[in-house]
Amino acid sequence: MSTDSKTIRVVIRGRVQGVSYRAWTKKQADRHGIAGWVRNRPDRTVEALFTGPAEAVEALLTACRRGPFAARVDGIDVSEEADPASSTGFEIRA
């Protein structure tokens, strides 16, 4: 990754499970050239890790604040993470 890369972990709260939030996030990540993953958590939130150019990561985070059509995002917790040694592609985790 370039020197302007950024990695963040996000936890999205609201009506974000059962509304295709993970599939939507993958599509958005692919569009923005972001690597990482997204998964549902048992507490009904969605967690994701985004790695890529800082500007693209911020654009994806902004998109996640709205989410897909059927979602209702009540809030997002964001924490900075160390850049992973190798990160390519974006996956949906179970």
PDB file of N, CA and C in Angstrom:
ATOM      1  N   MET A   1       0.842  -1.176   0.000  1.00  0.00           N
ATOM      2  CA  MET A   1       0.000   0.000   0.000  1.00  0.00           C
ATOM      3  C   MET A   1       0.890   1.242   0.000  1.00  0.00           C
ATOM      4  N   SER A   2       0.359   2.306  -0.512  1.00  0.00           N
ATOM      5  CA  SER A   2       1.126   3.542  -0.563  1.00  0.00           C
ATOM      6  C   SER A   2       1.181   4.192   0.809  1.00  0.00           C
ATOM      7  N   THR A   3       2.011   5.239   0.910  1.00  0.00           N
ATOM      8  CA  THR A   3       2.182   5.902   2.202  1.00  0.00           C
ATOM      9  C   THR A   3       0.927   6.622   2.656  1.00  0.00           C
ATOM     10  N   ASP A   4      -0.006   6.889   1.751  1.00  0.00           N
ATOM     11  CA  ASP A   4      -1.242   7.553   2.157  1.00  0.00           C
ATOM     12  C   ASP A   4      -2.359   6.547   2.423  1.00  0.00           C
ATOM     13  N   SER A   5      -1.986   5.288   2.663  1.00  0.00           N
ATOM     14  CA  SER A   5      -3.006   4.281   2.938  1.00  0.00           C
ATOM     15  C   SER A   5      -3.510   4.417   4.367  1.00  0.00           C
ATOM     16  N   LYS A   6      -4.708   3.914   4.566  1.00  0.00           N
ATOM     17  CA  LYS A   6      -5.371   4.020   5.860  1.00  0.00           C
ATOM     18  C   LYS A   6      -6.136   2.729   6.096  1.00  0.00           C
ATOM     19  N   THR A   7      -6.167   2.289   7.342  1.00  0.00           N
ATOM     20  CA  THR A   7      -6.956   1.118   7.725  1.00  0.00           C
ATOM     21  C   THR A   7      -7.813   1.490   8.919  1.00  0.00           C
ATOM     22  N   ILE A   8      -9.106   1.222   8.800  1.00  0.00           N
ATOM     23  CA  ILE A   8     -10.021   1.473   9.916  1.00  0.00           C
ATOM     24  C   ILE A   8     -10.908   0.257  10.137  1.00  0.00           C
ATOM     25  N   ARG A   9     -11.319   0.094  11.377  1.00  0.00           N
ATOM     26  CA  ARG A   9     -12.320  -0.907  11.743  1.00  0.00           C
ATOM     27  C   ARG A   9     -13.576  -0.130  12.101  1.00  0.00           C
ATOM     28  N   VAL A  10     -14.710  -0.566  11.560  1.00  0.00           N
ATOM     29  CA  VAL A  10     -15.969   0.115  11.838  1.00  0.00           C
ATOM     30  C   VAL A  10     -16.988  -0.875  12.375  1.00  0.00           C
ATOM     31  N   VAL A  11     -17.827  -0.394  13.267  1.00  0.00           N
ATOM     32  CA  VAL A  11     -18.968  -1.157  13.750  1.00  0.00           C
ATOM     33  C   VAL A  11     -20.197  -0.292  13.492  1.00  0.00           C
ATOM     34  N   ILE A  12     -21.111  -0.818  12.685  1.00  0.00           N
ATOM     35  CA  ILE A  12     -22.281  -0.073  12.253  1.00  0.00           C
ATOM     36  C   ILE A  12     -23.492  -0.561  13.037  1.00  0.00           C
ATOM     37  N   ARG A  13     -24.199   0.391  13.660  1.00  0.00           N
ATOM     38  CA  ARG A  13     -25.371   0.080  14.473  1.00  0.00           C
ATOM     39  C   ARG A  13     -26.635   0.570  13.788  1.00  0.00           C
ATOM     40  N   GLY A  14     -27.730  -0.133  14.047  1.00  0.00           N
ATOM     41  CA  GLY A  14     -29.027   0.243  13.489  1.00  0.00           C
ATOM     42  C   GLY A  14     -29.680  -0.975  12.873  1.00  0.00           C
ATOM     43  N   ARG A  15     -30.539  -0.753  11.886  1.00  0.00           N
ATOM     44  CA  ARG A  15     -31.141  -1.876  11.157  1.00  0.00           C
ATOM     45  C   ARG A  15     -30.194  -2.188   9.995  1.00  0.00           C
ATOM     46  N   VAL A  16     -29.199  -3.033  10.277  1.00  0.00           N
ATOM     47  CA  VAL A  16     -28.137  -3.301   9.312  1.00  0.00           C
ATOM     48  C   VAL A  16     -27.966  -4.791   9.011  1.00  0.00           C
ATOM     49  N   GLN A  17     -28.767  -5.638   9.639  1.00  0.00           N
ATOM     50  CA  GLN A  17     -28.764  -7.061   9.292  1.00  0.00           C
ATOM     51  C   GLN A  17     -30.112  -7.393   8.670  1.00  0.00           C
ATOM     52  N   GLY A  18     -30.080  -8.273   7.675  1.00  0.00           N
ATOM     53  CA  GLY A  18     -31.308  -8.651   6.978  1.00  0.00           C
ATOM     54  C   GLY A  18     -31.716  -7.634   5.917  1.00  0.00           C
ATOM     55  N   VAL A  19     -30.824  -6.702   5.581  1.00  0.00           N
ATOM     56  CA  VAL A  19     -31.125  -5.673   4.580  1.00  0.00           C
ATOM     57  C   VAL A  19     -30.046  -5.611   3.498  1.00  0.00           C
ATOM     58  N   SER A  20     -29.259  -6.681   3.363  1.00  0.00           N
ATOM     59  CA  SER A  20     -28.167  -6.785   2.373  1.00  0.00           C
ATOM     60  C   SER A  20     -27.050  -5.777   2.606  1.00  0.00           C
ATOM     61  N   TYR A  21     -26.834  -5.398   3.849  1.00  0.00           N
ATOM     62  CA  TYR A  21     -25.785  -4.420   4.148  1.00  0.00           C
ATOM     63  C   TYR A  21     -24.400  -4.955   3.784  1.00  0.00           C
ATOM     64  N   ARG A  22     -24.132  -6.227   4.072  1.00  0.00           N
ATOM     65  CA  ARG A  22     -22.812  -6.780   3.758  1.00  0.00           C
ATOM     66  C   ARG A  22     -22.565  -6.813   2.254  1.00  0.00           C
ATOM     67  N   ALA A  23     -23.536  -7.267   1.474  1.00  0.00           N
ATOM     68  CA  ALA A  23     -23.376  -7.316   0.016  1.00  0.00           C
ATOM     69  C   ALA A  23     -23.209  -5.904  -0.548  1.00  0.00           C
ATOM     70  N   TRP A  24     -23.974  -4.972  -0.030  1.00  0.00           N
ATOM     71  CA  TRP A  24     -23.871  -3.576  -0.461  1.00  0.00           C
ATOM     72  C   TRP A  24     -22.485  -3.022  -0.125  1.00  0.00           C
ATOM     73  N   THR A  25     -21.981  -3.343   1.072  1.00  0.00           N
ATOM     74  CA  THR A  25     -20.665  -2.860   1.482  1.00  0.00           C
ATOM     75  C   THR A  25     -19.581  -3.415   0.570  1.00  0.00           C
ATOM     76  N   LYS A  26     -19.672  -4.701   0.220  1.00  0.00           N
ATOM     77  CA  LYS A  26     -18.686  -5.286  -0.701  1.00  0.00           C
ATOM     78  C   LYS A  26     -18.717  -4.571  -2.040  1.00  0.00           C
ATOM     79  N   LYS A  27     -19.891  -4.322  -2.565  1.00  0.00           N
ATOM     80  CA  LYS A  27     -20.009  -3.626  -3.850  1.00  0.00           C
ATOM     81  C   LYS A  27     -19.384  -2.232  -3.765  1.00  0.00           C
ATOM     82  N   GLN A  28     -19.642  -1.522  -2.678  1.00  0.00           N
ATOM     83  CA  GLN A  28     -19.075  -0.182  -2.501  1.00  0.00           C
ATOM     84  C   GLN A  28     -17.550  -0.257  -2.347  1.00  0.00           C
ATOM     85  N   ALA A  29     -17.071  -1.231  -1.585  1.00  0.00           N
ATOM     86  CA  ALA A  29     -15.629  -1.386  -1.381  1.00  0.00           C
ATOM     87  C   ALA A  29     -14.932  -1.686  -2.712  1.00  0.00           C
ATOM     88  N   ASP A  30     -15.516  -2.586  -3.496  1.00  0.00           N
ATOM     89  CA  ASP A  30     -14.940  -2.909  -4.798  1.00  0.00           C
ATOM     90  C   ASP A  30     -14.908  -1.663  -5.681  1.00  0.00           C
ATOM     91  N   ARG A  31     -15.960  -0.878  -5.634  1.00  0.00           N
ATOM     92  CA  ARG A  31     -16.045   0.345  -6.437  1.00  0.00           C
ATOM     93  C   ARG A  31     -14.975   1.355  -6.046  1.00  0.00           C
ATOM     94  N   HIS A  32     -14.659   1.418  -4.756  1.00  0.00           N
ATOM     95  CA  HIS A  32     -13.678   2.375  -4.244  1.00  0.00           C
ATOM     96  C   HIS A  32     -12.251   1.807  -4.204  1.00  0.00           C
ATOM     97  N   GLY A  33     -12.085   0.536  -4.572  1.00  0.00           N
ATOM     98  CA  GLY A  33     -10.761  -0.073  -4.552  1.00  0.00           C
ATOM     99  C   GLY A  33     -10.243  -0.340  -3.152  1.00  0.00           C
ATOM    100  N   ILE A  34     -11.151  -0.692  -2.244  1.00  0.00           N
ATOM    101  CA  ILE A  34     -10.821  -0.935  -0.840  1.00  0.00           C
ATOM    102  C   ILE A  34     -10.682  -2.432  -0.590  1.00  0.00           C
ATOM    103  N   ALA A  35      -9.666  -2.817   0.171  1.00  0.00           N
ATOM    104  CA  ALA A  35      -9.486  -4.203   0.604  1.00  0.00           C
ATOM    105  C   ALA A  35     -10.050  -4.340   2.017  1.00  0.00           C
ATOM    106  N   GLY A  36     -10.328  -5.583   2.411  1.00  0.00           N
ATOM    107  CA  GLY A  36     -10.794  -5.826   3.775  1.00  0.00           C
ATOM    108  C   GLY A  36     -11.899  -6.852   3.829  1.00  0.00           C
ATOM    109  N   TRP A  37     -12.783  -6.666   4.784  1.00  0.00           N
ATOM    110  CA  TRP A  37     -13.860  -7.631   4.980  1.00  0.00           C
ATOM    111  C   TRP A  37     -15.028  -6.969   5.714  1.00  0.00           C
ATOM    112  N   VAL A  38     -16.181  -7.666   5.692  1.00  0.00           N
ATOM    113  CA  VAL A  38     -17.376  -7.227   6.414  1.00  0.00           C
ATOM    114  C   VAL A  38     -18.065  -8.472   6.958  1.00  0.00           C
ATOM    115  N   ARG A  39     -18.645  -8.361   8.141  1.00  0.00           N
ATOM    116  CA  ARG A  39     -19.352  -9.503   8.733  1.00  0.00           C
ATOM    117  C   ARG A  39     -20.456  -9.019   9.674  1.00  0.00           C
ATOM    118  N   ASN A  40     -21.458  -9.898   9.860  1.00  0.00           N
ATOM    119  CA  ASN A  40     -22.485  -9.667  10.873  1.00  0.00           C
ATOM    120  C   ASN A  40     -21.943 -10.090  12.222  1.00  0.00           C
ATOM    121  N   ARG A  41     -22.344  -9.384  13.269  1.00  0.00           N
ATOM    122  CA  ARG A  41     -21.969  -9.765  14.625  1.00  0.00           C
ATOM    123  C   ARG A  41     -23.210 -10.232  15.370  1.00  0.00           C
ATOM    124  N   PRO A  42     -23.036 -11.064  16.398  1.00  0.00           N
ATOM    125  CA  PRO A  42     -24.183 -11.600  17.142  1.00  0.00           C
ATOM    126  C   PRO A  42     -25.056 -10.513  17.785  1.00  0.00           C
ATOM    127  N   ASP A  43     -24.488  -9.341  18.040  1.00  0.00           N
ATOM    128  CA  ASP A  43     -25.269  -8.270  18.681  1.00  0.00           C
ATOM    129  C   ASP A  43     -26.078  -7.448  17.680  1.00  0.00           C
ATOM    130  N   ARG A  44     -26.227  -7.961  16.452  1.00  0.00           N
ATOM    131  CA  ARG A  44     -27.031  -7.352  15.379  1.00  0.00           C
ATOM    132  C   ARG A  44     -26.374  -6.126  14.751  1.00  0.00           C
ATOM    133  N   THR A  45     -25.081  -5.927  15.006  1.00  0.00           N
ATOM    134  CA  THR A  45     -24.337  -4.875  14.324  1.00  0.00           C
ATOM    135  C   THR A  45     -23.580  -5.514  13.163  1.00  0.00           C
ATOM    136  N   VAL A  46     -22.984  -4.674  12.346  1.00  0.00           N
ATOM    137  CA  VAL A  46     -22.120  -5.121  11.260  1.00  0.00           C
ATOM    138  C   VAL A  46     -20.737  -4.547  11.528  1.00  0.00           C
ATOM    139  N   GLU A  47     -19.710  -5.383  11.391  1.00  0.00           N
ATOM    140  CA  GLU A  47     -18.319  -4.960  11.597  1.00  0.00           C
ATOM    141  C   GLU A  47     -17.575  -5.090  10.281  1.00  0.00           C
ATOM    142  N   ALA A  48     -16.669  -4.152  10.027  1.00  0.00           N
ATOM    143  CA  ALA A  48     -15.890  -4.204   8.785  1.00  0.00           C
ATOM    144  C   ALA A  48     -14.502  -3.637   9.014  1.00  0.00           C
ATOM    145  N   LEU A  49     -13.586  -4.063   8.164  1.00  0.00           N
ATOM    146  CA  LEU A  49     -12.227  -3.538   8.136  1.00  0.00           C
ATOM    147  C   LEU A  49     -11.984  -3.023   6.724  1.00  0.00           C
ATOM    148  N   PHE A  50     -11.596  -1.754   6.615  1.00  0.00           N
ATOM    149  CA  PHE A  50     -11.344  -1.124   5.319  1.00  0.00           C
ATOM    150  C   PHE A  50      -9.882  -0.718   5.244  1.00  0.00           C
ATOM    151  N   THR A  51      -9.211  -1.085   4.158  1.00  0.00           N
ATOM    152  CA  THR A  51      -7.815  -0.715   3.917  1.00  0.00           C
ATOM    153  C   THR A  51      -7.680  -0.209   2.493  1.00  0.00           C
ATOM    154  N   GLY A  52      -7.045   0.943   2.356  1.00  0.00           N
ATOM    155  CA  GLY A  52      -6.833   1.488   1.028  1.00  0.00           C
ATOM    156  C   GLY A  52      -6.363   2.920   1.103  1.00  0.00           C
ATOM    157  N   PRO A  53      -6.347   3.609  -0.028  1.00  0.00           N
ATOM    158  CA  PRO A  53      -5.981   5.015  -0.016  1.00  0.00           C
ATOM    159  C   PRO A  53      -6.904   5.787   0.927  1.00  0.00           C
ATOM    160  N   ALA A  54      -6.327   6.682   1.707  1.00  0.00           N
ATOM    161  CA  ALA A  54      -7.080   7.400   2.741  1.00  0.00           C
ATOM    162  C   ALA A  54      -8.354   8.044   2.188  1.00  0.00           C
ATOM    163  N   GLU A  55      -8.256   8.663   1.026  1.00  0.00           N
ATOM    164  CA  GLU A  55      -9.420   9.333   0.440  1.00  0.00           C
ATOM    165  C   GLU A  55     -10.532   8.336   0.109  1.00  0.00           C
ATOM    166  N   ALA A  56     -10.168   7.170  -0.411  1.00  0.00           N
ATOM    167  CA  ALA A  56     -11.149   6.139  -0.746  1.00  0.00           C
ATOM    168  C   ALA A  56     -11.771   5.541   0.510  1.00  0.00           C
ATOM    169  N   VAL A  57     -10.971   5.333   1.549  1.00  0.00           N
ATOM    170  CA  VAL A  57     -11.495   4.814   2.817  1.00  0.00           C
ATOM    171  C   VAL A  57     -12.515   5.792   3.390  1.00  0.00           C
ATOM    172  N   GLU A  58     -12.201   7.084   3.352  1.00  0.00           N
ATOM    173  CA  GLU A  58     -13.134   8.099   3.864  1.00  0.00           C
ATOM    174  C   GLU A  58     -14.414   8.134   3.035  1.00  0.00           C
ATOM    175  N   ALA A  59     -14.301   7.973   1.712  1.00  0.00           N
ATOM    176  CA  ALA A  59     -15.486   7.955   0.849  1.00  0.00           C
ATOM    177  C   ALA A  59     -16.372   6.759   1.176  1.00  0.00           C
ATOM    178  N   LEU A  60     -15.758   5.601   1.420  1.00  0.00           N
ATOM    179  CA  LEU A  60     -16.530   4.410   1.788  1.00  0.00           C
ATOM    180  C   LEU A  60     -17.187   4.596   3.148  1.00  0.00           C
ATOM    181  N   LEU A  61     -16.470   5.179   4.096  1.00  0.00           N
ATOM    182  CA  LEU A  61     -17.051   5.439   5.412  1.00  0.00           C
ATOM    183  C   LEU A  61     -18.264   6.362   5.293  1.00  0.00           C
ATOM    184  N   THR A  62     -18.167   7.382   4.475  1.00  0.00           N
ATOM    185  CA  THR A  62     -19.299   8.292   4.253  1.00  0.00           C
ATOM    186  C   THR A  62     -20.488   7.537   3.672  1.00  0.00           C
ATOM    187  N   ALA A  63     -20.239   6.660   2.702  1.00  0.00           N
ATOM    188  CA  ALA A  63     -21.310   5.860   2.116  1.00  0.00           C
ATOM    189  C   ALA A  63     -21.953   4.955   3.163  1.00  0.00           C
ATOM    190  N   CYS A  64     -21.138   4.382   4.050  1.00  0.00           N
ATOM    191  CA  CYS A  64     -21.653   3.474   5.085  1.00  0.00           C
ATOM    192  C   CYS A  64     -22.548   4.192   6.086  1.00  0.00           C
ATOM    193  N   ARG A  65     -22.384   5.478   6.238  1.00  0.00           N
ATOM    194  CA  ARG A  65     -23.252   6.241   7.153  1.00  0.00           C
ATOM    195  C   ARG A  65     -24.689   6.277   6.621  1.00  0.00           C
ATOM    196  N   ARG A  66     -24.864   6.118   5.311  1.00  0.00           N
ATOM    197  CA  ARG A  66     -26.200   6.050   4.703  1.00  0.00           C
ATOM    198  C   ARG A  66     -26.644   4.599   4.564  1.00  0.00           C
ATOM    199  N   GLY A  67     -25.758   3.763   4.018  1.00  0.00           N
ATOM    200  CA  GLY A  67     -26.068   2.354   3.827  1.00  0.00           C
ATOM    201  C   GLY A  67     -27.002   2.126   2.656  1.00  0.00           C
ATOM    202  N   PRO A  68     -27.400   0.855   2.454  1.00  0.00           N
ATOM    203  CA  PRO A  68     -28.324   0.534   1.366  1.00  0.00           C
ATOM    204  C   PRO A  68     -29.734   1.038   1.678  1.00  0.00           C
ATOM    205  N   PHE A  69     -30.581   0.986   0.674  1.00  0.00           N
ATOM    206  CA  PHE A  69     -31.936   1.544   0.754  1.00  0.00           C
ATOM    207  C   PHE A  69     -32.715   1.098   1.993  1.00  0.00           C
ATOM    208  N   ALA A  70     -32.727  -0.188   2.303  1.00  0.00           N
ATOM    209  CA  ALA A  70     -33.568  -0.708   3.388  1.00  0.00           C
ATOM    210  C   ALA A  70     -32.939  -0.569   4.778  1.00  0.00           C
ATOM    211  N   ALA A  71     -31.707  -0.140   4.837  1.00  0.00           N
ATOM    212  CA  ALA A  71     -31.013  -0.031   6.134  1.00  0.00           C
ATOM    213  C   ALA A  71     -31.378   1.267   6.848  1.00  0.00           C
ATOM    214  N   ARG A  72     -31.164   1.247   8.150  1.00  0.00           N
ATOM    215  CA  ARG A  72     -31.241   2.463   8.957  1.00  0.00           C
ATOM    216  C   ARG A  72     -29.990   2.478   9.830  1.00  0.00           C
ATOM    217  N   VAL A  73     -29.092   3.387   9.563  1.00  0.00           N
ATOM    218  CA  VAL A  73     -27.842   3.474  10.310  1.00  0.00           C
ATOM    219  C   VAL A  73     -28.037   4.457  11.451  1.00  0.00           C
ATOM    220  N   ASP A  74     -27.915   3.946  12.685  1.00  0.00           N
ATOM    221  CA  ASP A  74     -28.054   4.793  13.877  1.00  0.00           C
ATOM    222  C   ASP A  74     -26.720   5.366  14.325  1.00  0.00           C
ATOM    223  N   GLY A  75     -25.625   4.708  13.972  1.00  0.00           N
ATOM    224  CA  GLY A  75     -24.307   5.198  14.352  1.00  0.00           C
ATOM    225  C   GLY A  75     -23.213   4.270  13.881  1.00  0.00           C
ATOM    226  N   ILE A  76     -22.010   4.835  13.810  1.00  0.00           N
ATOM    227  CA  ILE A  76     -20.841   4.053  13.412  1.00  0.00           C
ATOM    228  C   ILE A  76     -19.700   4.377  14.361  1.00  0.00           C
ATOM    229  N   ASP A  77     -19.110   3.333  14.930  1.00  0.00           N
ATOM    230  CA  ASP A  77     -17.903   3.478  15.742  1.00  0.00           C
ATOM    231  C   ASP A  77     -16.716   3.201  14.836  1.00  0.00           C
ATOM    232  N   VAL A  78     -15.734   4.084  14.851  1.00  0.00           N
ATOM    233  CA  VAL A  78     -14.571   3.969  13.976  1.00  0.00           C
ATOM    234  C   VAL A  78     -13.316   3.936  14.820  1.00  0.00           C
ATOM    235  N   SER A  79     -12.419   3.002  14.526  1.00  0.00           N
ATOM    236  CA  SER A  79     -11.113   2.976  15.189  1.00  0.00           C
ATOM    237  C   SER A  79     -10.034   2.747  14.146  1.00  0.00           C
ATOM    238  N   GLU A  80      -8.929   3.463  14.315  1.00  0.00           N
ATOM    239  CA  GLU A  80      -7.777   3.307  13.418  1.00  0.00           C
ATOM    240  C   GLU A  80      -7.110   1.968  13.728  1.00  0.00           C
ATOM    241  N   GLU A  81      -6.612   1.317  12.696  1.00  0.00           N
ATOM    242  CA  GLU A  81      -5.926   0.040  12.827  1.00  0.00           C
ATOM    243  C   GLU A  81      -4.574   0.148  12.124  1.00  0.00           C
ATOM    244  N   ALA A  82      -3.649  -0.713  12.501  1.00  0.00           N
ATOM    245  CA  ALA A  82      -2.378  -0.798  11.774  1.00  0.00           C
ATOM    246  C   ALA A  82      -2.655  -1.392  10.405  1.00  0.00           C
ATOM    247  N   ASP A  83      -1.941  -0.904   9.391  1.00  0.00           N
ATOM    248  CA  ASP A  83      -2.124  -1.459   8.050  1.00  0.00           C
ATOM    249  C   ASP A  83      -1.713  -2.922   8.052  1.00  0.00           C
ATOM    250  N   PRO A  84      -2.569  -3.811   7.546  1.00  0.00           N
ATOM    251  CA  PRO A  84      -2.194  -5.223   7.461  1.00  0.00           C
ATOM    252  C   PRO A  84      -1.029  -5.416   6.494  1.00  0.00           C
ATOM    253  N   ALA A  85      -0.228  -6.424   6.721  1.00  0.00           N
ATOM    254  CA  ALA A  85       0.948  -6.688   5.885  1.00  0.00           C
ATOM    255  C   ALA A  85       0.551  -6.911   4.433  1.00  0.00           C
ATOM    256  N   SER A  86      -0.459  -7.714   4.203  1.00  0.00           N
ATOM    257  CA  SER A  86      -0.936  -7.925   2.836  1.00  0.00           C
ATOM    258  C   SER A  86      -2.457  -7.956   2.867  1.00  0.00           C
ATOM    259  N   SER A  87      -3.021  -7.120   2.063  1.00  0.00           N
ATOM    260  CA  SER A  87      -4.475  -7.088   1.997  1.00  0.00           C
ATOM    261  C   SER A  87      -4.883  -6.838   0.555  1.00  0.00           C
ATOM    262  N   THR A  88      -5.554  -7.804  -0.012  1.00  0.00           N
ATOM    263  CA  THR A  88      -6.049  -7.665  -1.372  1.00  0.00           C
ATOM    264  C   THR A  88      -7.482  -8.154  -1.409  1.00  0.00           C
ATOM    265  N   GLY A  89      -8.303  -7.477  -2.153  1.00  0.00           N
ATOM    266  CA  GLY A  89      -9.684  -7.876  -2.298  1.00  0.00           C
ATOM    267  C   GLY A  89     -10.525  -7.569  -1.070  1.00  0.00           C
ATOM    268  N   PHE A  90     -11.803  -7.747  -1.231  1.00  0.00           N
ATOM    269  CA  PHE A  90     -12.749  -7.484  -0.143  1.00  0.00           C
ATOM    270  C   PHE A  90     -13.667  -8.693  -0.054  1.00  0.00           C
ATOM    271  N   GLU A  91     -13.873  -9.202   1.154  1.00  0.00           N
ATOM    272  CA  GLU A  91     -14.680 -10.412   1.320  1.00  0.00           C
ATOM    273  C   GLU A  91     -15.786 -10.222   2.331  1.00  0.00           C
ATOM    274  N   ILE A  92     -16.837 -10.994   2.117  1.00  0.00           N
ATOM    275  CA  ILE A  92     -17.931 -11.068   3.089  1.00  0.00           C
ATOM    276  C   ILE A  92     -17.652 -12.276   3.964  1.00  0.00           C
ATOM    277  N   ARG A  93     -17.555 -12.032   5.254  1.00  0.00           N
ATOM    278  CA  ARG A  93     -17.320 -13.122   6.207  1.00  0.00           C
ATOM    279  C   ARG A  93     -18.615 -13.516   6.870  1.00  0.00           C
ATOM    280  N   ALA A  94     -18.672 -14.780   7.275  1.00  0.00           N
ATOM    281  CA  ALA A  94     -19.886 -15.293   7.931  1.00  0.00           C
ATOM    282  C   ALA A  94     -19.976 -14.775   9.344  1.00  0.00           C
TER     283      ALA A  94
END
